[in-house]
Amino acid sequence: MANKVIVQFKTDASSDLDRLFHVEETLFQAFSQCNDGFVDGHDIGQGKFNIFIHVQSSWASVLERVEAFLKLRGVLEEAVIVKFQGKTERYQVVRPATYDGEFAL
């Protein structure tokens, strides 16, 4: 399994899903301009909207790009950003630093 960065947002009945699709499109455009990684779709369920980004270079460059473009869209503070390590199949929350509990898709 490949290394991935997962960007997760909480959703509910009043969530603006169009806004989250625009966030995904922004990330897609951000990675189409480089070879660090690529956006590989999303899923919606369990009150969560997840965007998957395959890492093709270093974690640092991908995470830096993700954070910069989420900040640009004004949604960085709402996002949970996670590293999924393919070899160990483990999740590591990298943002927010105050994240508490077990991460789940």
C-alpha atoms as a PDB file:
ATOM      1  CA  MET A   1       0.000   0.000   0.000  1.00  0.00           C
ATOM      2  CA  ALA A   2       1.149   3.510  -0.784  1.00  0.00           C
ATOM      3  CA  ASN A   3       1.870   6.368   1.568  1.00  0.00           C
ATOM      4  CA  LYS A   4      -0.974   8.885   1.623  1.00  0.00           C
ATOM      5  CA  VAL A   5      -1.950  12.147   3.181  1.00  0.00           C
ATOM      6  CA  ILE A   6      -5.599  12.274   4.182  1.00  0.00           C
ATOM      7  CA  VAL A   7      -7.387  15.578   4.667  1.00  0.00           C
ATOM      8  CA  GLN A   8     -10.551  15.136   6.705  1.00  0.00           C
ATOM      9  CA  PHE A   9     -13.429  17.522   7.389  1.00  0.00           C
ATOM     10  CA  LYS A  10     -16.426  16.920   9.626  1.00  0.00           C
ATOM     11  CA  THR A  11     -19.780  17.067   7.830  1.00  0.00           C
ATOM     12  CA  ASP A  12     -23.400  17.171   8.902  1.00  0.00           C
ATOM     13  CA  ALA A  13     -26.776  17.837   7.303  1.00  0.00           C
ATOM     14  CA  SER A  14     -26.037  21.556   7.040  1.00  0.00           C
ATOM     15  CA  SER A  15     -22.543  21.108   5.552  1.00  0.00           C
ATOM     16  CA  ASP A  16     -21.778  22.822   2.290  1.00  0.00           C
ATOM     17  CA  LEU A  17     -20.507  19.849   0.287  1.00  0.00           C
ATOM     18  CA  ASP A  18     -19.933  22.055  -2.762  1.00  0.00           C
ATOM     19  CA  ARG A  19     -17.382  23.978  -0.711  1.00  0.00           C
ATOM     20  CA  LEU A  20     -15.574  20.736   0.164  1.00  0.00           C
ATOM     21  CA  PHE A  21     -15.570  19.676  -3.492  1.00  0.00           C
ATOM     22  CA  HIS A  22     -13.946  23.042  -4.284  1.00  0.00           C
ATOM     23  CA  VAL A  23     -11.301  22.334  -1.646  1.00  0.00           C
ATOM     24  CA  GLU A  24     -10.621  18.981  -3.300  1.00  0.00           C
ATOM     25  CA  GLU A  25     -10.376  20.679  -6.706  1.00  0.00           C
ATOM     26  CA  THR A  26      -7.937  23.246  -5.276  1.00  0.00           C
ATOM     27  CA  LEU A  27      -5.711  20.422  -3.993  1.00  0.00           C
ATOM     28  CA  PHE A  28      -6.017  18.610  -7.325  1.00  0.00           C
ATOM     29  CA  GLN A  29      -4.785  21.746  -9.110  1.00  0.00           C
ATOM     30  CA  ALA A  30      -2.012  22.246  -6.543  1.00  0.00           C
ATOM     31  CA  PHE A  31      -0.587  18.789  -7.161  1.00  0.00           C
ATOM     32  CA  SER A  32      -1.103  18.838 -10.931  1.00  0.00           C
ATOM     33  CA  GLN A  33       1.678  21.449 -11.015  1.00  0.00           C
ATOM     34  CA  CYS A  34       4.292  19.255  -9.324  1.00  0.00           C
ATOM     35  CA  ASN A  35       5.420  15.658  -8.963  1.00  0.00           C
ATOM     36  CA  ASP A  36       5.237  15.475  -5.155  1.00  0.00           C
ATOM     37  CA  GLY A  37       1.944  13.613  -5.154  1.00  0.00           C
ATOM     38  CA  PHE A  38      -1.527  13.458  -6.654  1.00  0.00           C
ATOM     39  CA  VAL A  39      -5.094  13.694  -5.420  1.00  0.00           C
ATOM     40  CA  ASP A  40      -6.800  10.325  -5.677  1.00  0.00           C
ATOM     41  CA  GLY A  41     -10.388  11.203  -4.923  1.00  0.00           C
ATOM     42  CA  HIS A  42     -12.519  11.420  -1.814  1.00  0.00           C
ATOM     43  CA  ASP A  43     -15.109   9.611   0.205  1.00  0.00           C
ATOM     44  CA  ILE A  44     -18.031  10.832   2.257  1.00  0.00           C
ATOM     45  CA  GLY A  45     -19.591   8.984   5.153  1.00  0.00           C
ATOM     46  CA  GLN A  46     -19.843   8.659   8.925  1.00  0.00           C
ATOM     47  CA  GLY A  47     -20.065  12.454   9.175  1.00  0.00           C
ATOM     48  CA  LYS A  48     -16.708  12.916   7.439  1.00  0.00           C
ATOM     49  CA  PHE A  49     -15.381  14.103   4.071  1.00  0.00           C
ATOM     50  CA  ASN A  50     -11.951  12.613   3.291  1.00  0.00           C
ATOM     51  CA  ILE A  51      -9.597  13.674   0.502  1.00  0.00           C
ATOM     52  CA  PHE A  52      -6.790  11.234  -0.395  1.00  0.00           C
ATOM     53  CA  ILE A  53      -3.400  12.363  -1.684  1.00  0.00           C
ATOM     54  CA  HIS A  54      -0.765   9.828  -2.758  1.00  0.00           C
ATOM     55  CA  VAL A  55       2.751  10.807  -1.679  1.00  0.00           C
ATOM     56  CA  GLN A  56       5.340  10.467  -4.446  1.00  0.00           C
ATOM     57  CA  SER A  57       8.198  12.365  -2.790  1.00  0.00           C
ATOM     58  CA  SER A  58       8.860  13.439   0.779  1.00  0.00           C
ATOM     59  CA  TRP A  59       6.202  13.811   3.456  1.00  0.00           C
ATOM     60  CA  ALA A  60       7.440  17.344   4.164  1.00  0.00           C
ATOM     61  CA  SER A  61       6.896  18.695   0.651  1.00  0.00           C
ATOM     62  CA  VAL A  62       3.414  17.179   0.371  1.00  0.00           C
ATOM     63  CA  LEU A  63       2.316  18.344   3.814  1.00  0.00           C
ATOM     64  CA  GLU A  64       3.677  21.833   3.158  1.00  0.00           C
ATOM     65  CA  ARG A  65       1.722  22.071  -0.109  1.00  0.00           C
ATOM     66  CA  VAL A  66      -1.473  20.734   1.494  1.00  0.00           C
ATOM     67  CA  GLU A  67      -1.294  23.210   4.384  1.00  0.00           C
ATOM     68  CA  ALA A  68      -0.510  26.155   2.092  1.00  0.00           C
ATOM     69  CA  PHE A  69      -3.464  25.473  -0.202  1.00  0.00           C
ATOM     70  CA  LEU A  70      -5.895  24.757   2.649  1.00  0.00           C
ATOM     71  CA  LYS A  71      -4.851  28.058   4.202  1.00  0.00           C
ATOM     72  CA  LEU A  72      -5.417  29.763   0.839  1.00  0.00           C
ATOM     73  CA  ARG A  73      -8.987  28.340   0.748  1.00  0.00           C
ATOM     74  CA  GLY A  74      -9.574  29.437   4.354  1.00  0.00           C
ATOM     75  CA  VAL A  75     -10.228  25.920   5.666  1.00  0.00           C
ATOM     76  CA  LEU A  76      -6.931  24.971   7.324  1.00  0.00           C
ATOM     77  CA  GLU A  77      -8.338  25.367  10.841  1.00  0.00           C
ATOM     78  CA  GLU A  78     -11.248  22.979  10.046  1.00  0.00           C
ATOM     79  CA  ALA A  79      -9.057  20.235   8.599  1.00  0.00           C
ATOM     80  CA  VAL A  80      -7.534  17.173  10.208  1.00  0.00           C
ATOM     81  CA  ILE A  81      -4.388  16.244   8.273  1.00  0.00           C
ATOM     82  CA  VAL A  82      -3.122  12.684   8.591  1.00  0.00           C
ATOM     83  CA  LYS A  83      -0.199  10.650   7.290  1.00  0.00           C
ATOM     84  CA  PHE A  84      -1.079   7.078   6.335  1.00  0.00           C
ATOM     85  CA  GLN A  85       2.022   4.934   6.209  1.00  0.00           C
ATOM     86  CA  GLY A  86       1.491   2.160   3.696  1.00  0.00           C
ATOM     87  CA  LYS A  87       4.055  -0.288   5.091  1.00  0.00           C
ATOM     88  CA  THR A  88       2.670  -0.225   8.625  1.00  0.00           C
ATOM     89  CA  GLU A  89      -0.912   0.743   7.704  1.00  0.00           C
ATOM     90  CA  ARG A  90      -0.894   3.268  10.553  1.00  0.00           C
ATOM     91  CA  TYR A  91      -2.429   6.710  10.767  1.00  0.00           C
ATOM     92  CA  GLN A  92      -0.543   9.633  12.281  1.00  0.00           C
ATOM     93  CA  VAL A  93      -2.396  12.913  12.822  1.00  0.00           C
ATOM     94  CA  VAL A  94      -0.065  15.803  12.011  1.00  0.00           C
ATOM     95  CA  ARG A  95      -2.567  18.636  12.328  1.00  0.00           C
ATOM     96  CA  PRO A  96      -4.051  19.889  14.548  1.00  0.00           C
ATOM     97  CA  ALA A  97      -1.403  19.332  17.180  1.00  0.00           C
ATOM     98  CA  THR A  98      -4.179  19.165  19.793  1.00  0.00           C
ATOM     99  CA  TYR A  99      -5.999  16.248  18.073  1.00  0.00           C
ATOM    100  CA  ASP A 100      -7.265  13.852  20.696  1.00  0.00           C
ATOM    101  CA  GLY A 101      -8.437  10.284  20.260  1.00  0.00           C
ATOM    102  CA  GLU A 102      -8.128   7.620  17.603  1.00  0.00           C
ATOM    103  CA  PHE A 103      -8.279   8.690  13.955  1.00  0.00           C
ATOM    104  CA  ALA A 104     -10.807   6.882  11.754  1.00  0.00           C
ATOM    105  CA  LEU A 105     -11.924   7.321   8.183  1.00  0.00           C
END
